Amino acid sequence: MNINVPDSLKSFLNEQVNSGGYADPDDFVAKLLEAEVAMFERLKRGEALPLDEHFDRRLEVLLDEAEKSGDYVTAAKEDFGKMEHEALELFREKHKSS
């Protein structure tokens, strides 16, 4: 597989490889993809989205995916209290077993 990297990112990619942390550009891209796959697997298991420097981008991707799914549910203001309660219960249950 070939991946085209925009010119604006090539110097960054080369800096990462030259820093000694990666064998070559392919290794750098593979490590990035592995990290993203691991993050999406965590989300599928219901784990929280990591609050790191990539949070905004990950959230954007998830929101785009949700928008494309077309599975919208209408929620009224009063529904949010119920959703919050359900989320807290799931959180508590999860942390009891940890």
PDB file of N, CA and C in Angstrom:
ATOM      1  N   MET A   1       0.848  -1.169   0.000  1.00  0.00           N
ATOM      2  CA  MET A   1       0.000   0.000   0.000  1.00  0.00           C
ATOM      3  C   MET A   1       0.895   1.234   0.000  1.00  0.00           C
ATOM      4  N   ASN A   2       0.515   2.216  -0.750  1.00  0.00           N
ATOM      5  CA  ASN A   2       1.237   3.491  -0.771  1.00  0.00           C
ATOM      6  C   ASN A   2       0.352   4.567  -0.175  1.00  0.00           C
ATOM      7  N   ILE A   3       0.958   5.433   0.607  1.00  0.00           N
ATOM      8  CA  ILE A   3       0.238   6.540   1.214  1.00  0.00           C
ATOM      9  C   ILE A   3       0.914   7.825   0.794  1.00  0.00           C
ATOM     10  N   ASN A   4       0.124   8.755   0.293  1.00  0.00           N
ATOM     11  CA  ASN A   4       0.665  10.065  -0.079  1.00  0.00           C
ATOM     12  C   ASN A   4       0.585  10.988   1.120  1.00  0.00           C
ATOM     13  N   VAL A   5       1.703  11.568   1.463  1.00  0.00           N
ATOM     14  CA  VAL A   5       1.784  12.494   2.589  1.00  0.00           C
ATOM     15  C   VAL A   5       1.884  13.906   2.026  1.00  0.00           C
ATOM     16  N   PRO A   6       1.020  14.809   2.500  1.00  0.00           N
ATOM     17  CA  PRO A   6       1.109  16.187   2.009  1.00  0.00           C
ATOM     18  C   PRO A   6       2.484  16.789   2.301  1.00  0.00           C
ATOM     19  N   ASP A   7       2.934  17.652   1.432  1.00  0.00           N
ATOM     20  CA  ASP A   7       4.244  18.295   1.614  1.00  0.00           C
ATOM     21  C   ASP A   7       4.354  18.964   2.975  1.00  0.00           C
ATOM     22  N   SER A   8       3.244  19.500   3.472  1.00  0.00           N
ATOM     23  CA  SER A   8       3.266  20.194   4.766  1.00  0.00           C
ATOM     24  C   SER A   8       3.599  19.261   5.929  1.00  0.00           C
ATOM     25  N   LEU A   9       3.450  17.940   5.740  1.00  0.00           N
ATOM     26  CA  LEU A   9       3.735  16.980   6.812  1.00  0.00           C
ATOM     27  C   LEU A   9       5.028  16.199   6.612  1.00  0.00           C
ATOM     28  N   LYS A  10       5.628  16.305   5.442  1.00  0.00           N
ATOM     29  CA  LYS A  10       6.821  15.510   5.154  1.00  0.00           C
ATOM     30  C   LYS A  10       7.987  15.832   6.069  1.00  0.00           C
ATOM     31  N   SER A  11       8.190  17.111   6.386  1.00  0.00           N
ATOM     32  CA  SER A  11       9.312  17.446   7.267  1.00  0.00           C
ATOM     33  C   SER A  11       9.083  16.884   8.667  1.00  0.00           C
ATOM     34  N   PHE A  12       7.846  16.923   9.145  1.00  0.00           N
ATOM     35  CA  PHE A  12       7.537  16.348  10.452  1.00  0.00           C
ATOM     36  C   PHE A  12       7.799  14.843  10.437  1.00  0.00           C
ATOM     37  N   LEU A  13       7.336  14.172   9.392  1.00  0.00           N
ATOM     38  CA  LEU A  13       7.550  12.740   9.261  1.00  0.00           C
ATOM     39  C   LEU A  13       9.040  12.407   9.264  1.00  0.00           C
ATOM     40  N   ASN A  14       9.803  13.158   8.500  1.00  0.00           N
ATOM     41  CA  ASN A  14      11.252  12.923   8.459  1.00  0.00           C
ATOM     42  C   ASN A  14      11.909  13.192   9.804  1.00  0.00           C
ATOM     43  N   GLU A  15      11.458  14.209  10.532  1.00  0.00           N
ATOM     44  CA  GLU A  15      12.003  14.501  11.868  1.00  0.00           C
ATOM     45  C   GLU A  15      11.763  13.318  12.799  1.00  0.00           C
ATOM     46  N   GLN A  16      10.563  12.740  12.725  1.00  0.00           N
ATOM     47  CA  GLN A  16      10.242  11.612  13.598  1.00  0.00           C
ATOM     48  C   GLN A  16      11.125  10.412  13.288  1.00  0.00           C
ATOM     49  N   VAL A  17      11.326  10.138  12.017  1.00  0.00           N
ATOM     50  CA  VAL A  17      12.175   9.007  11.623  1.00  0.00           C
ATOM     51  C   VAL A  17      13.620   9.278  12.012  1.00  0.00           C
ATOM     52  N   ASN A  18      14.096  10.495  11.752  1.00  0.00           N
ATOM     53  CA  ASN A  18      15.488  10.842  12.056  1.00  0.00           C
ATOM     54  C   ASN A  18      15.775  10.900  13.556  1.00  0.00           C
ATOM     55  N   SER A  19      14.723  11.024  14.374  1.00  0.00           N
ATOM     56  CA  SER A  19      14.923  11.068  15.823  1.00  0.00           C
ATOM     57  C   SER A  19      15.351   9.711  16.371  1.00  0.00           C
ATOM     58  N   GLY A  20      15.225   8.685  15.540  1.00  0.00           N
ATOM     59  CA  GLY A  20      15.637   7.348  15.962  1.00  0.00           C
ATOM     60  C   GLY A  20      14.520   6.514  16.540  1.00  0.00           C
ATOM     61  N   GLY A  21      13.334   7.099  16.645  1.00  0.00           N
ATOM     62  CA  GLY A  21      12.222   6.360  17.234  1.00  0.00           C
ATOM     63  C   GLY A  21      11.548   5.404  16.269  1.00  0.00           C
ATOM     64  N   TYR A  22      11.834   5.554  14.995  1.00  0.00           N
ATOM     65  CA  TYR A  22      11.180   4.743  13.975  1.00  0.00           C
ATOM     66  C   TYR A  22      12.197   4.303  12.939  1.00  0.00           C
ATOM     67  N   ALA A  23      12.013   3.099  12.420  1.00  0.00           N
ATOM     68  CA  ALA A  23      12.958   2.560  11.443  1.00  0.00           C
ATOM     69  C   ALA A  23      12.890   3.301  10.116  1.00  0.00           C
ATOM     70  N   ASP A  24      11.679   3.694   9.736  1.00  0.00           N
ATOM     71  CA  ASP A  24      11.472   4.379   8.461  1.00  0.00           C
ATOM     72  C   ASP A  24      10.072   5.005   8.477  1.00  0.00           C
ATOM     73  N   PRO A  25       9.709   5.768   7.449  1.00  0.00           N
ATOM     74  CA  PRO A  25       8.373   6.393   7.424  1.00  0.00           C
ATOM     75  C   PRO A  25       7.236   5.373   7.545  1.00  0.00           C
ATOM     76  N   ASP A  26       7.393   4.191   6.944  1.00  0.00           N
ATOM     77  CA  ASP A  26       6.359   3.167   7.045  1.00  0.00           C
ATOM     78  C   ASP A  26       6.136   2.743   8.493  1.00  0.00           C
ATOM     79  N   ASP A  27       7.224   2.627   9.251  1.00  0.00           N
ATOM     80  CA  ASP A  27       7.136   2.250  10.656  1.00  0.00           C
ATOM     81  C   ASP A  27       6.379   3.313  11.451  1.00  0.00           C
ATOM     82  N   PHE A  28       6.666   4.575  11.169  1.00  0.00           N
ATOM     83  CA  PHE A  28       5.985   5.674  11.854  1.00  0.00           C
ATOM     84  C   PHE A  28       4.479   5.621  11.586  1.00  0.00           C
ATOM     85  N   VAL A  29       4.084   5.473  10.330  1.00  0.00           N
ATOM     86  CA  VAL A  29       2.664   5.431   9.965  1.00  0.00           C
ATOM     87  C   VAL A  29       2.006   4.190  10.576  1.00  0.00           C
ATOM     88  N   ALA A  30       2.696   3.069  10.557  1.00  0.00           N
ATOM     89  CA  ALA A  30       2.142   1.844  11.135  1.00  0.00           C
ATOM     90  C   ALA A  30       1.873   2.022  12.631  1.00  0.00           C
ATOM     91  N   LYS A  31       2.802   2.665  13.338  1.00  0.00           N
ATOM     92  CA  LYS A  31       2.612   2.899  14.778  1.00  0.00           C
ATOM     93  C   LYS A  31       1.423   3.827  15.039  1.00  0.00           C
ATOM     94  N   LEU A  32       1.262   4.850  14.203  1.00  0.00           N
ATOM     95  CA  LEU A  32       0.102   5.732  14.337  1.00  0.00           C
ATOM     96  C   LEU A  32      -1.200   4.960  14.151  1.00  0.00           C
ATOM     97  N   LEU A  33      -1.238   4.133  13.129  1.00  0.00           N
ATOM     98  CA  LEU A  33      -2.442   3.344  12.860  1.00  0.00           C
ATOM     99  C   LEU A  33      -2.726   2.354  13.987  1.00  0.00           C
ATOM    100  N   GLU A  34      -1.685   1.731  14.514  1.00  0.00           N
ATOM    101  CA  GLU A  34      -1.870   0.799  15.633  1.00  0.00           C
ATOM    102  C   GLU A  34      -2.476   1.510  16.834  1.00  0.00           C
ATOM    103  N   ALA A  35      -2.016   2.721  17.111  1.00  0.00           N
ATOM    104  CA  ALA A  35      -2.549   3.491  18.231  1.00  0.00           C
ATOM    105  C   ALA A  35      -4.017   3.832  18.008  1.00  0.00           C
ATOM    106  N   GLU A  36      -4.373   4.191  16.781  1.00  0.00           N
ATOM    107  CA  GLU A  36      -5.761   4.531  16.479  1.00  0.00           C
ATOM    108  C   GLU A  36      -6.657   3.301  16.566  1.00  0.00           C
ATOM    109  N   VAL A  37      -6.186   2.162  16.065  1.00  0.00           N
ATOM    110  CA  VAL A  37      -6.964   0.931  16.149  1.00  0.00           C
ATOM    111  C   VAL A  37      -7.202   0.568  17.613  1.00  0.00           C
ATOM    112  N   ALA A  38      -6.169   0.670  18.433  1.00  0.00           N
ATOM    113  CA  ALA A  38      -6.300   0.371  19.858  1.00  0.00           C
ATOM    114  C   ALA A  38      -7.317   1.291  20.515  1.00  0.00           C
ATOM    115  N   MET A  39      -7.301   2.572  20.148  1.00  0.00           N
ATOM    116  CA  MET A  39      -8.247   3.520  20.714  1.00  0.00           C
ATOM    117  C   MET A  39      -9.674   3.158  20.311  1.00  0.00           C
ATOM    118  N   PHE A  40      -9.911   2.831  19.047  1.00  0.00           N
ATOM    119  CA  PHE A  40     -11.257   2.477  18.604  1.00  0.00           C
ATOM    120  C   PHE A  40     -11.724   1.167  19.240  1.00  0.00           C
ATOM    121  N   GLU A  41     -10.820   0.242  19.475  1.00  0.00           N
ATOM    122  CA  GLU A  41     -11.184  -0.992  20.164  1.00  0.00           C
ATOM    123  C   GLU A  41     -11.629  -0.682  21.593  1.00  0.00           C
ATOM    124  N   ARG A  42     -10.926   0.226  22.244  1.00  0.00           N
ATOM    125  CA  ARG A  42     -11.323   0.627  23.599  1.00  0.00           C
ATOM    126  C   ARG A  42     -12.719   1.230  23.588  1.00  0.00           C
ATOM    127  N   LEU A  43     -13.003   2.066  22.597  1.00  0.00           N
ATOM    128  CA  LEU A  43     -14.322   2.683  22.495  1.00  0.00           C
ATOM    129  C   LEU A  43     -15.398   1.636  22.254  1.00  0.00           C
ATOM    130  N   LYS A  44     -15.119   0.645  21.431  1.00  0.00           N
ATOM    131  CA  LYS A  44     -16.090  -0.423  21.171  1.00  0.00           C
ATOM    132  C   LYS A  44     -16.414  -1.191  22.441  1.00  0.00           C
ATOM    133  N   ARG A  45     -15.437  -1.300  23.338  1.00  0.00           N
ATOM    134  CA  ARG A  45     -15.659  -1.987  24.616  1.00  0.00           C
ATOM    135  C   ARG A  45     -16.354  -1.086  25.629  1.00  0.00           C
ATOM    136  N   GLY A  46     -16.627   0.158  25.241  1.00  0.00           N
ATOM    137  CA  GLY A  46     -17.315   1.077  26.134  1.00  0.00           C
ATOM    138  C   GLY A  46     -16.402   1.869  27.042  1.00  0.00           C
ATOM    139  N   GLU A  47     -15.109   1.814  26.792  1.00  0.00           N
ATOM    140  CA  GLU A  47     -14.179   2.595  27.611  1.00  0.00           C
ATOM    141  C   GLU A  47     -14.227   4.061  27.189  1.00  0.00           C
ATOM    142  N   ALA A  48     -13.823   4.914  28.064  1.00  0.00           N
ATOM    143  CA  ALA A  48     -13.873   6.358  27.810  1.00  0.00           C
ATOM    144  C   ALA A  48     -12.882   6.777  26.733  1.00  0.00           C
ATOM    145  N   LEU A  49     -13.241   7.806  26.015  1.00  0.00           N
ATOM    146  CA  LEU A  49     -12.353   8.406  25.019  1.00  0.00           C
ATOM    147  C   LEU A  49     -11.200   9.069  25.766  1.00  0.00           C
ATOM    148  N   PRO A  50      -9.940   8.730  25.439  1.00  0.00           N
ATOM    149  CA  PRO A  50      -8.813   9.312  26.166  1.00  0.00           C
ATOM    150  C   PRO A  50      -8.737  10.826  25.990  1.00  0.00           C
ATOM    151  N   LEU A  51      -8.533  11.515  27.091  1.00  0.00           N
ATOM    152  CA  LEU A  51      -8.397  12.970  27.045  1.00  0.00           C
ATOM    153  C   LEU A  51      -6.926  13.304  26.856  1.00  0.00           C
ATOM    154  N   ASP A  52      -6.516  13.352  25.616  1.00  0.00           N
ATOM    155  CA  ASP A  52      -5.142  13.692  25.297  1.00  0.00           C
ATOM    156  C   ASP A  52      -5.126  14.718  24.181  1.00  0.00           C
ATOM    157  N   GLU A  53      -3.972  14.920  23.594  1.00  0.00           N
ATOM    158  CA  GLU A  53      -3.843  15.955  22.567  1.00  0.00           C
ATOM    159  C   GLU A  53      -4.610  15.620  21.291  1.00  0.00           C
ATOM    160  N   HIS A  54      -5.084  14.388  21.168  1.00  0.00           N
ATOM    161  CA  HIS A  54      -5.828  13.972  19.979  1.00  0.00           C
ATOM    162  C   HIS A  54      -7.330  13.904  20.215  1.00  0.00           C
ATOM    163  N   PHE A  55      -7.784  14.287  21.402  1.00  0.00           N
ATOM    164  CA  PHE A  55      -9.198  14.167  21.766  1.00  0.00           C
ATOM    165  C   PHE A  55     -10.113  14.843  20.755  1.00  0.00           C
ATOM    166  N   ASP A  56      -9.814  16.087  20.398  1.00  0.00           N
ATOM    167  CA  ASP A  56     -10.688  16.834  19.488  1.00  0.00           C
ATOM    168  C   ASP A  56     -10.831  16.129  18.149  1.00  0.00           C
ATOM    169  N   ARG A  57      -9.747  15.636  17.610  1.00  0.00           N
ATOM    170  CA  ARG A  57      -9.798  14.962  16.303  1.00  0.00           C
ATOM    171  C   ARG A  57     -10.570  13.656  16.402  1.00  0.00           C
ATOM    172  N   ARG A  58     -10.343  12.894  17.457  1.00  0.00           N
ATOM    173  CA  ARG A  58     -11.069  11.633  17.618  1.00  0.00           C
ATOM    174  C   ARG A  58     -12.559  11.885  17.762  1.00  0.00           C
ATOM    175  N   LEU A  59     -12.907  12.889  18.545  1.00  0.00           N
ATOM    176  CA  LEU A  59     -14.317  13.226  18.725  1.00  0.00           C
ATOM    177  C   LEU A  59     -14.932  13.642  17.396  1.00  0.00           C
ATOM    178  N   GLU A  60     -14.209  14.422  16.634  1.00  0.00           N
ATOM    179  CA  GLU A  60     -14.691  14.850  15.319  1.00  0.00           C
ATOM    180  C   GLU A  60     -14.958  13.644  14.413  1.00  0.00           C
ATOM    181  N   VAL A  61     -14.054  12.677  14.405  1.00  0.00           N
ATOM    182  CA  VAL A  61     -14.223  11.473  13.591  1.00  0.00           C
ATOM    183  C   VAL A  61     -15.457  10.696  14.045  1.00  0.00           C
ATOM    184  N   LEU A  62     -15.629  10.549  15.348  1.00  0.00           N
ATOM    185  CA  LEU A  62     -16.784   9.819  15.868  1.00  0.00           C
ATOM    186  C   LEU A  62     -18.095  10.530  15.537  1.00  0.00           C
ATOM    187  N   LEU A  63     -18.089  11.857  15.637  1.00  0.00           N
ATOM    188  CA  LEU A  63     -19.302  12.617  15.304  1.00  0.00           C
ATOM    189  C   LEU A  63     -19.618  12.512  13.816  1.00  0.00           C
ATOM    190  N   ASP A  64     -18.591  12.548  12.978  1.00  0.00           N
ATOM    191  CA  ASP A  64     -18.799  12.367  11.530  1.00  0.00           C
ATOM    192  C   ASP A  64     -19.393  10.989  11.251  1.00  0.00           C
ATOM    193  N   GLU A  65     -18.854   9.985  11.913  1.00  0.00           N
ATOM    194  CA  GLU A  65     -19.351   8.624  11.735  1.00  0.00           C
ATOM    195  C   GLU A  65     -20.807   8.519  12.172  1.00  0.00           C
ATOM    196  N   ALA A  66     -21.140   9.133  13.291  1.00  0.00           N
ATOM    197  CA  ALA A  66     -22.522   9.112  13.772  1.00  0.00           C
ATOM    198  C   ALA A  66     -23.453   9.821  12.794  1.00  0.00           C
ATOM    199  N   GLU A  67     -23.004  10.943  12.263  1.00  0.00           N
ATOM    200  CA  GLU A  67     -23.824  11.690  11.313  1.00  0.00           C
ATOM    201  C   GLU A  67     -24.095  10.870  10.058  1.00  0.00           C
ATOM    202  N   LYS A  68     -23.085  10.153   9.582  1.00  0.00           N
ATOM    203  CA  LYS A  68     -23.234   9.350   8.365  1.00  0.00           C
ATOM    204  C   LYS A  68     -24.114   8.123   8.589  1.00  0.00           C
ATOM    205  N   SER A  69     -24.240   7.679   9.839  1.00  0.00           N
ATOM    206  CA  SER A  69     -25.024   6.477  10.115  1.00  0.00           C
ATOM    207  C   SER A  69     -26.514   6.717   9.898  1.00  0.00           C
ATOM    208  N   GLY A  70     -26.955   7.974  10.058  1.00  0.00           N
ATOM    209  CA  GLY A  70     -28.359   8.291   9.860  1.00  0.00           C
ATOM    210  C   GLY A  70     -29.262   7.822  10.981  1.00  0.00           C
ATOM    211  N   ASP A  71     -28.715   7.252  12.021  1.00  0.00           N
ATOM    212  CA  ASP A  71     -29.509   6.731  13.131  1.00  0.00           C
ATOM    213  C   ASP A  71     -29.714   7.775  14.219  1.00  0.00           C
ATOM    214  N   TYR A  72     -30.403   8.840  13.875  1.00  0.00           N
ATOM    215  CA  TYR A  72     -30.647   9.904  14.847  1.00  0.00           C
ATOM    216  C   TYR A  72     -31.851   9.575  15.712  1.00  0.00           C
ATOM    217  N   VAL A  73     -31.757   9.968  16.958  1.00  0.00           N
ATOM    218  CA  VAL A  73     -32.865   9.817  17.890  1.00  0.00           C
ATOM    219  C   VAL A  73     -33.168  11.201  18.431  1.00  0.00           C
ATOM    220  N   THR A  74     -34.420  11.578  18.369  1.00  0.00           N
ATOM    221  CA  THR A  74     -34.816  12.879  18.892  1.00  0.00           C
ATOM    222  C   THR A  74     -34.845  12.813  20.415  1.00  0.00           C
ATOM    223  N   ALA A  75     -34.244  13.777  21.050  1.00  0.00           N
ATOM    224  CA  ALA A  75     -34.214  13.831  22.507  1.00  0.00           C
ATOM    225  C   ALA A  75     -34.690  15.204  22.961  1.00  0.00           C
ATOM    226  N   ALA A  76     -35.596  15.198  23.913  1.00  0.00           N
ATOM    227  CA  ALA A  76     -36.083  16.443  24.493  1.00  0.00           C
ATOM    228  C   ALA A  76     -35.209  16.797  25.692  1.00  0.00           C
ATOM    229  N   LYS A  77     -35.326  18.019  26.135  1.00  0.00           N
ATOM    230  CA  LYS A  77     -34.508  18.498  27.254  1.00  0.00           C
ATOM    231  C   LYS A  77     -34.637  17.580  28.470  1.00  0.00           C
ATOM    232  N   GLU A  78     -35.833  17.122  28.750  1.00  0.00           N
ATOM    233  CA  GLU A  78     -36.043  16.274  29.929  1.00  0.00           C
ATOM    234  C   GLU A  78     -35.408  14.887  29.791  1.00  0.00           C
ATOM    235  N   ASP A  79     -35.094  14.468  28.570  1.00  0.00           N
ATOM    236  CA  ASP A  79     -34.453  13.179  28.354  1.00  0.00           C
ATOM    237  C   ASP A  79     -33.001  13.156  28.836  1.00  0.00           C
ATOM    238  N   PHE A  80     -32.369  14.305  28.890  1.00  0.00           N
ATOM    239  CA  PHE A  80     -30.951  14.343  29.241  1.00  0.00           C
ATOM    240  C   PHE A  80     -30.691  13.912  30.678  1.00  0.00           C
ATOM    241  N   GLY A  81     -31.597  14.220  31.588  1.00  0.00           N
ATOM    242  CA  GLY A  81     -31.450  13.762  32.970  1.00  0.00           C
ATOM    243  C   GLY A  81     -31.446  12.249  33.053  1.00  0.00           C
ATOM    244  N   LYS A  82     -32.360  11.618  32.305  1.00  0.00           N
ATOM    245  CA  LYS A  82     -32.430  10.156  32.273  1.00  0.00           C
ATOM    246  C   LYS A  82     -31.151   9.570  31.664  1.00  0.00           C
ATOM    247  N   MET A  83     -30.679  10.182  30.583  1.00  0.00           N
ATOM    248  CA  MET A  83     -29.450   9.691  29.946  1.00  0.00           C
ATOM    249  C   MET A  83     -28.256   9.822  30.889  1.00  0.00           C
ATOM    250  N   GLU A  84     -28.189  10.937  31.609  1.00  0.00           N
ATOM    251  CA  GLU A  84     -27.094  11.133  32.550  1.00  0.00           C
ATOM    252  C   GLU A  84     -27.153  10.077  33.651  1.00  0.00           C
ATOM    253  N   HIS A  85     -28.349   9.806  34.150  1.00  0.00           N
ATOM    254  CA  HIS A  85     -28.524   8.799  35.203  1.00  0.00           C
ATOM    255  C   HIS A  85     -28.070   7.423  34.703  1.00  0.00           C
ATOM    256  N   GLU A  86     -28.486   7.059  33.483  1.00  0.00           N
ATOM    257  CA  GLU A  86     -28.082   5.779  32.906  1.00  0.00           C
ATOM    258  C   GLU A  86     -26.569   5.697  32.728  1.00  0.00           C
ATOM    259  N   ALA A  87     -25.967   6.782  32.284  1.00  0.00           N
ATOM    260  CA  ALA A  87     -24.513   6.804  32.099  1.00  0.00           C
ATOM    261  C   ALA A  87     -23.793   6.635  33.434  1.00  0.00           C
ATOM    262  N   LEU A  88     -24.274   7.301  34.470  1.00  0.00           N
ATOM    263  CA  LEU A  88     -23.653   7.168  35.792  1.00  0.00           C
ATOM    264  C   LEU A  88     -23.792   5.746  36.321  1.00  0.00           C
ATOM    265  N   GLU A  89     -24.939   5.130  36.083  1.00  0.00           N
ATOM    266  CA  GLU A  89     -25.129   3.739  36.516  1.00  0.00           C
ATOM    267  C   GLU A  89     -24.162   2.801  35.791  1.00  0.00           C
ATOM    268  N   LEU A  90     -24.011   2.987  34.482  1.00  0.00           N
ATOM    269  CA  LEU A  90     -23.065   2.166  33.724  1.00  0.00           C
ATOM    270  C   LEU A  90     -21.643   2.368  34.236  1.00  0.00           C
ATOM    271  N   PHE A  91     -21.299   3.614  34.524  1.00  0.00           N
ATOM    272  CA  PHE A  91     -19.972   3.939  35.044  1.00  0.00           C
ATOM    273  C   PHE A  91     -19.739   3.240  36.384  1.00  0.00           C
ATOM    274  N   ARG A  92     -20.726   3.331  37.270  1.00  0.00           N
ATOM    275  CA  ARG A  92     -20.595   2.706  38.596  1.00  0.00           C
ATOM    276  C   ARG A  92     -20.463   1.189  38.485  1.00  0.00           C
ATOM    277  N   GLU A  93     -21.287   0.583  37.636  1.00  0.00           N
ATOM    278  CA  GLU A  93     -21.214  -0.861  37.447  1.00  0.00           C
ATOM    279  C   GLU A  93     -19.860  -1.296  36.920  1.00  0.00           C
ATOM    280  N   LYS A  94     -19.356  -0.536  35.970  1.00  0.00           N
ATOM    281  CA  LYS A  94     -18.061  -0.868  35.374  1.00  0.00           C
ATOM    282  C   LYS A  94     -16.952  -0.798  36.425  1.00  0.00           C
ATOM    283  N   HIS A  95     -16.999   0.208  37.287  1.00  0.00           N
ATOM    284  CA  HIS A  95     -15.928   0.391  38.270  1.00  0.00           C
ATOM    285  C   HIS A  95     -16.087  -0.522  39.488  1.00  0.00           C
ATOM    286  N   LYS A  96     -17.249  -1.123  39.676  1.00  0.00           N
ATOM    287  CA  LYS A  96     -17.393  -2.129  40.724  1.00  0.00           C
ATOM    288  C   LYS A  96     -16.608  -3.370  40.364  1.00  0.00           C
ATOM    289  N   SER A  97     -16.612  -3.702  39.072  1.00  0.00           N
ATOM    290  CA  SER A  97     -15.950  -4.919  38.634  1.00  0.00           C
ATOM    291  C   SER A  97     -14.457  -4.725  38.389  1.00  0.00           C
ATOM    292  N   SER A  98     -13.981  -3.495  38.462  1.00  0.00           N
ATOM    293  CA  SER A  98     -12.553  -3.231  38.207  1.00  0.00           C
ATOM    294  C   SER A  98     -11.707  -3.487  39.425  1.00  0.00           C
TER     295      SER A  98
END
